Amino acid sequence: MNIEMLSQFFLWSSIINIVASSLAFLVVIIGRNHVSRIHSKLFNVSEEKAAEKIYSSMINYKTIIFVFNIIPYIAIQIIK
């Protein structure tokens, strides 16, 4: 596996994960009450707590995308 292949891998991995994250964010923003209601029933917590956990999970996912996809892509671009 060469540097160009790794670069393409991290680029497409970043794109796919950012699109998935953006779609999830749109679903949560557009259907906030519905999504919170479903998760509150699933996990037996209040709707406010469910909304808090949903946003917390989204922040964690974006952090993981940044650390494991975007930073390695930038590092590879620097050493190329």
PDB file of N, CA and C in Angstrom:
ATOM      1  N   MET A   1       0.855  -1.169   0.000  1.00  0.00           N
ATOM      2  CA  MET A   1       0.000   0.000   0.000  1.00  0.00           C
ATOM      3  C   MET A   1       0.903   1.236   0.000  1.00  0.00           C
ATOM      4  N   ASN A   2       0.722   2.099  -0.981  1.00  0.00           N
ATOM      5  CA  ASN A   2       1.559   3.288  -1.076  1.00  0.00           C
ATOM      6  C   ASN A   2       0.851   4.508  -0.475  1.00  0.00           C
ATOM      7  N   ILE A   3       1.576   5.620  -0.441  1.00  0.00           N
ATOM      8  CA  ILE A   3       1.045   6.836   0.188  1.00  0.00           C
ATOM      9  C   ILE A   3      -0.161   7.369  -0.576  1.00  0.00           C
ATOM     10  N   GLU A   4      -0.135   7.275  -1.892  1.00  0.00           N
ATOM     11  CA  GLU A   4      -1.266   7.771  -2.686  1.00  0.00           C
ATOM     12  C   GLU A   4      -2.542   6.994  -2.373  1.00  0.00           C
ATOM     13  N   MET A   5      -2.430   5.691  -2.219  1.00  0.00           N
ATOM     14  CA  MET A   5      -3.591   4.863  -1.890  1.00  0.00           C
ATOM     15  C   MET A   5      -4.122   5.215  -0.492  1.00  0.00           C
ATOM     16  N   LEU A   6      -3.219   5.399   0.461  1.00  0.00           N
ATOM     17  CA  LEU A   6      -3.629   5.803   1.809  1.00  0.00           C
ATOM     18  C   LEU A   6      -4.309   7.168   1.791  1.00  0.00           C
ATOM     19  N   SER A   7      -3.761   8.067   1.003  1.00  0.00           N
ATOM     20  CA  SER A   7      -4.343   9.400   0.880  1.00  0.00           C
ATOM     21  C   SER A   7      -5.772   9.321   0.353  1.00  0.00           C
ATOM     22  N   GLN A   8      -5.975   8.529  -0.694  1.00  0.00           N
ATOM     23  CA  GLN A   8      -7.321   8.357  -1.249  1.00  0.00           C
ATOM     24  C   GLN A   8      -8.261   7.685  -0.251  1.00  0.00           C
ATOM     25  N   PHE A   9      -7.742   6.711   0.490  1.00  0.00           N
ATOM     26  CA  PHE A   9      -8.554   6.032   1.498  1.00  0.00           C
ATOM     27  C   PHE A   9      -9.066   7.019   2.541  1.00  0.00           C
ATOM     28  N   PHE A  10      -8.157   7.827   3.111  1.00  0.00           N
ATOM     29  CA  PHE A  10      -8.571   8.770   4.146  1.00  0.00           C
ATOM     30  C   PHE A  10      -9.459   9.872   3.585  1.00  0.00           C
ATOM     31  N   LEU A  11      -9.223  10.270   2.339  1.00  0.00           N
ATOM     32  CA  LEU A  11     -10.079  11.273   1.710  1.00  0.00           C
ATOM     33  C   LEU A  11     -11.509  10.757   1.592  1.00  0.00           C
ATOM     34  N   TRP A  12     -11.685   9.571   1.011  1.00  0.00           N
ATOM     35  CA  TRP A  12     -13.032   9.031   0.823  1.00  0.00           C
ATOM     36  C   TRP A  12     -13.679   8.636   2.144  1.00  0.00           C
ATOM     37  N   SER A  13     -12.887   8.166   3.072  1.00  0.00           N
ATOM     38  CA  SER A  13     -13.415   7.852   4.396  1.00  0.00           C
ATOM     39  C   SER A  13     -13.942   9.120   5.066  1.00  0.00           C
ATOM     40  N   SER A  14     -13.208  10.209   4.938  1.00  0.00           N
ATOM     41  CA  SER A  14     -13.649  11.490   5.493  1.00  0.00           C
ATOM     42  C   SER A  14     -14.931  11.963   4.833  1.00  0.00           C
ATOM     43  N   ILE A  15     -14.979  11.894   3.512  1.00  0.00           N
ATOM     44  CA  ILE A  15     -16.166  12.346   2.783  1.00  0.00           C
ATOM     45  C   ILE A  15     -17.391  11.539   3.186  1.00  0.00           C
ATOM     46  N   ILE A  16     -17.270  10.229   3.202  1.00  0.00           N
ATOM     47  CA  ILE A  16     -18.402   9.363   3.555  1.00  0.00           C
ATOM     48  C   ILE A  16     -18.874   9.639   4.980  1.00  0.00           C
ATOM     49  N   ASN A  17     -17.944   9.758   5.913  1.00  0.00           N
ATOM     50  CA  ASN A  17     -18.322   9.999   7.301  1.00  0.00           C
ATOM     51  C   ASN A  17     -18.908  11.389   7.517  1.00  0.00           C
ATOM     52  N   ILE A  18     -18.403  12.394   6.820  1.00  0.00           N
ATOM     53  CA  ILE A  18     -18.957  13.746   6.948  1.00  0.00           C
ATOM     54  C   ILE A  18     -20.364  13.796   6.376  1.00  0.00           C
ATOM     55  N   VAL A  19     -20.597  13.136   5.249  1.00  0.00           N
ATOM     56  CA  VAL A  19     -21.947  13.084   4.676  1.00  0.00           C
ATOM     57  C   VAL A  19     -22.902  12.365   5.624  1.00  0.00           C
ATOM     58  N   ALA A  20     -22.480  11.234   6.176  1.00  0.00           N
ATOM     59  CA  ALA A  20     -23.328  10.493   7.119  1.00  0.00           C
ATOM     60  C   ALA A  20     -23.626  11.335   8.353  1.00  0.00           C
ATOM     61  N   SER A  21     -22.624  12.022   8.861  1.00  0.00           N
ATOM     62  CA  SER A  21     -22.804  12.880  10.032  1.00  0.00           C
ATOM     63  C   SER A  21     -23.752  14.039   9.721  1.00  0.00           C
ATOM     64  N   SER A  22     -23.611  14.623   8.550  1.00  0.00           N
ATOM     65  CA  SER A  22     -24.485  15.732   8.154  1.00  0.00           C
ATOM     66  C   SER A  22     -25.929  15.279   7.997  1.00  0.00           C
ATOM     67  N   LEU A  23     -26.128  14.111   7.398  1.00  0.00           N
ATOM     68  CA  LEU A  23     -27.490  13.586   7.256  1.00  0.00           C
ATOM     69  C   LEU A  23     -28.118  13.292   8.615  1.00  0.00           C
ATOM     70  N   ALA A  24     -27.338  12.721   9.515  1.00  0.00           N
ATOM     71  CA  ALA A  24     -27.845  12.449  10.867  1.00  0.00           C
ATOM     72  C   ALA A  24     -28.201  13.753  11.571  1.00  0.00           C
ATOM     73  N   PHE A  25     -27.371  14.774  11.401  1.00  0.00           N
ATOM     74  CA  PHE A  25     -27.642  16.074  12.005  1.00  0.00           C
ATOM     75  C   PHE A  25     -28.936  16.664  11.450  1.00  0.00           C
ATOM     76  N   LEU A  26     -29.134  16.569  10.136  1.00  0.00           N
ATOM     77  CA  LEU A  26     -30.367  17.079   9.528  1.00  0.00           C
ATOM     78  C   LEU A  26     -31.597  16.341  10.041  1.00  0.00           C
ATOM     79  N   VAL A  27     -31.499  15.034  10.162  1.00  0.00           N
ATOM     80  CA  VAL A  27     -32.624  14.244  10.680  1.00  0.00           C
ATOM     81  C   VAL A  27     -32.961  14.678  12.098  1.00  0.00           C
ATOM     82  N   VAL A  28     -31.944  14.885  12.914  1.00  0.00           N
ATOM     83  CA  VAL A  28     -32.178  15.289  14.302  1.00  0.00           C
ATOM     84  C   VAL A  28     -32.753  16.701  14.363  1.00  0.00           C
ATOM     85  N   ILE A  29     -32.255  17.605  13.542  1.00  0.00           N
ATOM     86  CA  ILE A  29     -32.754  18.981  13.551  1.00  0.00           C
ATOM     87  C   ILE A  29     -34.185  19.050  13.025  1.00  0.00           C
ATOM     88  N   ILE A  30     -34.460  18.372  11.914  1.00  0.00           N
ATOM     89  CA  ILE A  30     -35.795  18.429  11.310  1.00  0.00           C
ATOM     90  C   ILE A  30     -36.824  17.707  12.174  1.00  0.00           C
ATOM     91  N   GLY A  31     -36.485  16.543  12.691  1.00  0.00           N
ATOM     92  CA  GLY A  31     -37.441  15.760  13.468  1.00  0.00           C
ATOM     93  C   GLY A  31     -37.058  15.655  14.925  1.00  0.00           C
ATOM     94  N   ARG A  32     -36.642  16.768  15.508  1.00  0.00           N
ATOM     95  CA  ARG A  32     -36.107  16.756  16.873  1.00  0.00           C
ATOM     96  C   ARG A  32     -37.059  16.109  17.873  1.00  0.00           C
ATOM     97  N   ASN A  33     -38.309  16.537  17.879  1.00  0.00           N
ATOM     98  CA  ASN A  33     -39.264  16.000  18.856  1.00  0.00           C
ATOM     99  C   ASN A  33     -39.502  14.513  18.638  1.00  0.00           C
ATOM    100  N   HIS A  34     -39.652  14.139  17.386  1.00  0.00           N
ATOM    101  CA  HIS A  34     -39.919  12.735  17.062  1.00  0.00           C
ATOM    102  C   HIS A  34     -38.734  11.845  17.453  1.00  0.00           C
ATOM    103  N   VAL A  35     -37.529  12.282  17.099  1.00  0.00           N
ATOM    104  CA  VAL A  35     -36.326  11.499  17.406  1.00  0.00           C
ATOM    105  C   VAL A  35     -36.133  11.386  18.918  1.00  0.00           C
ATOM    106  N   SER A  36     -36.318  12.492  19.629  1.00  0.00           N
ATOM    107  CA  SER A  36     -36.170  12.465  21.093  1.00  0.00           C
ATOM    108  C   SER A  36     -37.211  11.561  21.735  1.00  0.00           C
ATOM    109  N   ARG A  37     -38.426  11.598  21.223  1.00  0.00           N
ATOM    110  CA  ARG A  37     -39.500  10.762  21.761  1.00  0.00           C
ATOM    111  C   ARG A  37     -39.186   9.275  21.565  1.00  0.00           C
ATOM    112  N   ILE A  38     -38.733   8.918  20.375  1.00  0.00           N
ATOM    113  CA  ILE A  38     -38.394   7.517  20.087  1.00  0.00           C
ATOM    114  C   ILE A  38     -37.269   7.040  21.006  1.00  0.00           C
ATOM    115  N   HIS A  39     -36.210   7.837  21.127  1.00  0.00           N
ATOM    116  CA  HIS A  39     -35.075   7.428  21.953  1.00  0.00           C
ATOM    117  C   HIS A  39     -35.419   7.416  23.439  1.00  0.00           C
ATOM    118  N   SER A  40     -36.295   8.316  23.863  1.00  0.00           N
ATOM    119  CA  SER A  40     -36.679   8.309  25.281  1.00  0.00           C
ATOM    120  C   SER A  40     -37.457   7.043  25.622  1.00  0.00           C
ATOM    121  N   LYS A  41     -38.276   6.572  24.689  1.00  0.00           N
ATOM    122  CA  LYS A  41     -39.013   5.325  24.920  1.00  0.00           C
ATOM    123  C   LYS A  41     -38.087   4.109  24.833  1.00  0.00           C
ATOM    124  N   LEU A  42     -37.154   4.134  23.892  1.00  0.00           N
ATOM    125  CA  LEU A  42     -36.224   3.015  23.730  1.00  0.00           C
ATOM    126  C   LEU A  42     -35.350   2.811  24.960  1.00  0.00           C
ATOM    127  N   PHE A  43     -34.853   3.909  25.511  1.00  0.00           N
ATOM    128  CA  PHE A  43     -33.888   3.819  26.603  1.00  0.00           C
ATOM    129  C   PHE A  43     -34.476   4.180  27.962  1.00  0.00           C
ATOM    130  N   ASN A  44     -35.787   4.420  28.001  1.00  0.00           N
ATOM    131  CA  ASN A  44     -36.498   4.691  29.247  1.00  0.00           C
ATOM    132  C   ASN A  44     -35.891   5.869  30.016  1.00  0.00           C
ATOM    133  N   VAL A  45     -35.702   6.992  29.293  1.00  0.00           N
ATOM    134  CA  VAL A  45     -35.216   8.234  29.899  1.00  0.00           C
ATOM    135  C   VAL A  45     -36.140   9.366  29.465  1.00  0.00           C
ATOM    136  N   SER A  46     -35.983  10.532  30.071  1.00  0.00           N
ATOM    137  CA  SER A  46     -36.806  11.677  29.682  1.00  0.00           C
ATOM    138  C   SER A  46     -36.399  12.156  28.282  1.00  0.00           C
ATOM    139  N   GLU A  47     -37.303  12.885  27.634  1.00  0.00           N
ATOM    140  CA  GLU A  47     -37.007  13.389  26.285  1.00  0.00           C
ATOM    141  C   GLU A  47     -35.838  14.367  26.308  1.00  0.00           C
ATOM    142  N   GLU A  48     -35.730  15.160  27.370  1.00  0.00           N
ATOM    143  CA  GLU A  48     -34.618  16.109  27.481  1.00  0.00           C
ATOM    144  C   GLU A  48     -33.280  15.369  27.584  1.00  0.00           C
ATOM    145  N   LYS A  49     -33.275  14.321  28.394  1.00  0.00           N
ATOM    146  CA  LYS A  49     -32.052  13.521  28.558  1.00  0.00           C
ATOM    147  C   LYS A  49     -31.703  12.811  27.238  1.00  0.00           C
ATOM    148  N   ALA A  50     -32.721  12.334  26.527  1.00  0.00           N
ATOM    149  CA  ALA A  50     -32.484  11.675  25.237  1.00  0.00           C
ATOM    150  C   ALA A  50     -31.886  12.659  24.237  1.00  0.00           C
ATOM    151  N   ALA A  51     -32.433  13.877  24.179  1.00  0.00           N
ATOM    152  CA  ALA A  51     -31.904  14.896  23.267  1.00  0.00           C
ATOM    153  C   ALA A  51     -30.457  15.231  23.621  1.00  0.00           C
ATOM    154  N   GLU A  52     -30.183  15.326  24.915  1.00  0.00           N
ATOM    155  CA  GLU A  52     -28.820  15.609  25.374  1.00  0.00           C
ATOM    156  C   GLU A  52     -27.858  14.505  24.938  1.00  0.00           C
ATOM    157  N   LYS A  53     -28.262  13.271  25.087  1.00  0.00           N
ATOM    158  CA  LYS A  53     -27.411  12.138  24.699  1.00  0.00           C
ATOM    159  C   LYS A  53     -27.217  12.079  23.182  1.00  0.00           C
ATOM    160  N   ILE A  54     -28.264  12.404  22.431  1.00  0.00           N
ATOM    161  CA  ILE A  54     -28.158  12.405  20.969  1.00  0.00           C
ATOM    162  C   ILE A  54     -27.116  13.427  20.526  1.00  0.00           C
ATOM    163  N   TYR A  55     -27.206  14.653  21.047  1.00  0.00           N
ATOM    164  CA  TYR A  55     -26.244  15.686  20.670  1.00  0.00           C
ATOM    165  C   TYR A  55     -24.839  15.337  21.146  1.00  0.00           C
ATOM    166  N   SER A  56     -24.733  14.748  22.318  1.00  0.00           N
ATOM    167  CA  SER A  56     -23.434  14.318  22.831  1.00  0.00           C
ATOM    168  C   SER A  56     -22.821  13.256  21.911  1.00  0.00           C
ATOM    169  N   SER A  57     -23.638  12.325  21.471  1.00  0.00           N
ATOM    170  CA  SER A  57     -23.160  11.278  20.555  1.00  0.00           C
ATOM    171  C   SER A  57     -22.713  11.868  19.228  1.00  0.00           C
ATOM    172  N   MET A  58     -23.445  12.864  18.739  1.00  0.00           N
ATOM    173  CA  MET A  58     -23.073  13.497  17.477  1.00  0.00           C
ATOM    174  C   MET A  58     -21.740  14.232  17.606  1.00  0.00           C
ATOM    175  N   ILE A  59     -21.532  14.891  18.735  1.00  0.00           N
ATOM    176  CA  ILE A  59     -20.257  15.575  18.967  1.00  0.00           C
ATOM    177  C   ILE A  59     -19.119  14.561  19.027  1.00  0.00           C
ATOM    178  N   ASN A  60     -19.351  13.444  19.711  1.00  0.00           N
ATOM    179  CA  ASN A  60     -18.325  12.397  19.785  1.00  0.00           C
ATOM    180  C   ASN A  60     -18.011  11.833  18.406  1.00  0.00           C
ATOM    181  N   TYR A  61     -19.033  11.615  17.585  1.00  0.00           N
ATOM    182  CA  TYR A  61     -18.827  11.083  16.238  1.00  0.00           C
ATOM    183  C   TYR A  61     -18.010  12.061  15.393  1.00  0.00           C
ATOM    184  N   LYS A  62     -18.325  13.347  15.482  1.00  0.00           N
ATOM    185  CA  LYS A  62     -17.567  14.340  14.719  1.00  0.00           C
ATOM    186  C   LYS A  62     -16.111  14.396  15.183  1.00  0.00           C
ATOM    187  N   THR A  63     -15.887  14.248  16.475  1.00  0.00           N
ATOM    188  CA  THR A  63     -14.521  14.226  17.000  1.00  0.00           C
ATOM    189  C   THR A  63     -13.763  13.013  16.466  1.00  0.00           C
ATOM    190  N   ILE A  64     -14.422  11.864  16.444  1.00  0.00           N
ATOM    191  CA  ILE A  64     -13.793  10.643  15.926  1.00  0.00           C
ATOM    192  C   ILE A  64     -13.464  10.792  14.442  1.00  0.00           C
ATOM    193  N   ILE A  65     -14.374  11.390  13.674  1.00  0.00           N
ATOM    194  CA  ILE A  65     -14.111  11.640  12.251  1.00  0.00           C
ATOM    195  C   ILE A  65     -12.859  12.500  12.102  1.00  0.00           C
ATOM    196  N   PHE A  66     -12.781  13.538  12.898  1.00  0.00           N
ATOM    197  CA  PHE A  66     -11.643  14.448  12.816  1.00  0.00           C
ATOM    198  C   PHE A  66     -10.336  13.744  13.162  1.00  0.00           C
ATOM    199  N   VAL A  67     -10.338  13.004  14.259  1.00  0.00           N
ATOM    200  CA  VAL A  67      -9.107  12.367  14.740  1.00  0.00           C
ATOM    201  C   VAL A  67      -8.655  11.214  13.844  1.00  0.00           C
ATOM    202  N   PHE A  68      -9.602  10.382  13.398  1.00  0.00           N
ATOM    203  CA  PHE A  68      -9.219   9.169  12.673  1.00  0.00           C
ATOM    204  C   PHE A  68      -9.306   9.274  11.149  1.00  0.00           C
ATOM    205  N   ASN A  69      -9.853  10.370  10.620  1.00  0.00           N
ATOM    206  CA  ASN A  69      -9.937  10.520   9.170  1.00  0.00           C
ATOM    207  C   ASN A  69      -9.253  11.781   8.664  1.00  0.00           C
ATOM    208  N   ILE A  70      -9.611  12.915   9.218  1.00  0.00           N
ATOM    209  CA  ILE A  70      -9.126  14.184   8.675  1.00  0.00           C
ATOM    210  C   ILE A  70      -7.669  14.443   9.050  1.00  0.00           C
ATOM    211  N   ILE A  71      -7.310  14.239  10.301  1.00  0.00           N
ATOM    212  CA  ILE A  71      -5.916  14.463  10.713  1.00  0.00           C
ATOM    213  C   ILE A  71      -4.948  13.538   9.969  1.00  0.00           C
ATOM    214  N   PRO A  72      -5.233  12.226   9.836  1.00  0.00           N
ATOM    215  CA  PRO A  72      -4.315  11.389   9.044  1.00  0.00           C
ATOM    216  C   PRO A  72      -4.225  11.841   7.578  1.00  0.00           C
ATOM    217  N   TYR A  73      -5.343  12.293   7.001  1.00  0.00           N
ATOM    218  CA  TYR A  73      -5.317  12.775   5.621  1.00  0.00           C
ATOM    219  C   TYR A  73      -4.402  13.998   5.502  1.00  0.00           C
ATOM    220  N   ILE A  74      -4.544  14.930   6.436  1.00  0.00           N
ATOM    221  CA  ILE A  74      -3.699  16.128   6.417  1.00  0.00           C
ATOM    222  C   ILE A  74      -2.231  15.752   6.611  1.00  0.00           C
ATOM    223  N   ALA A  75      -1.953  14.832   7.521  1.00  0.00           N
ATOM    224  CA  ALA A  75      -0.570  14.399   7.758  1.00  0.00           C
ATOM    225  C   ALA A  75       0.031  13.778   6.503  1.00  0.00           C
ATOM    226  N   ILE A  76      -0.742  12.968   5.808  1.00  0.00           N
ATOM    227  CA  ILE A  76      -0.243  12.351   4.570  1.00  0.00           C
ATOM    228  C   ILE A  76       0.009  13.414   3.512  1.00  0.00           C
ATOM    229  N   GLN A  77      -0.862  14.414   3.430  1.00  0.00           N
ATOM    230  CA  GLN A  77      -0.663  15.482   2.451  1.00  0.00           C
ATOM    231  C   GLN A  77       0.602  16.277   2.758  1.00  0.00           C
ATOM    232  N   ILE A  78       0.912  16.437   4.034  1.00  0.00           N
ATOM    233  CA  ILE A  78       2.124  17.169   4.419  1.00  0.00           C
ATOM    234  C   ILE A  78       3.380  16.401   4.021  1.00  0.00           C
ATOM    235  N   ILE A  79       3.383  15.083   4.219  1.00  0.00           N
ATOM    236  CA  ILE A  79       4.600  14.315   3.918  1.00  0.00           C
ATOM    237  C   ILE A  79       4.734  13.943   2.445  1.00  0.00           C
ATOM    238  N   LYS A  80       3.686  14.132   1.654  1.00  0.00           N
ATOM    239  CA  LYS A  80       3.754  13.793   0.226  1.00  0.00           C
ATOM    240  C   LYS A  80       4.735  14.651  -0.526  1.00  0.00           C
TER     241      LYS A  80
END
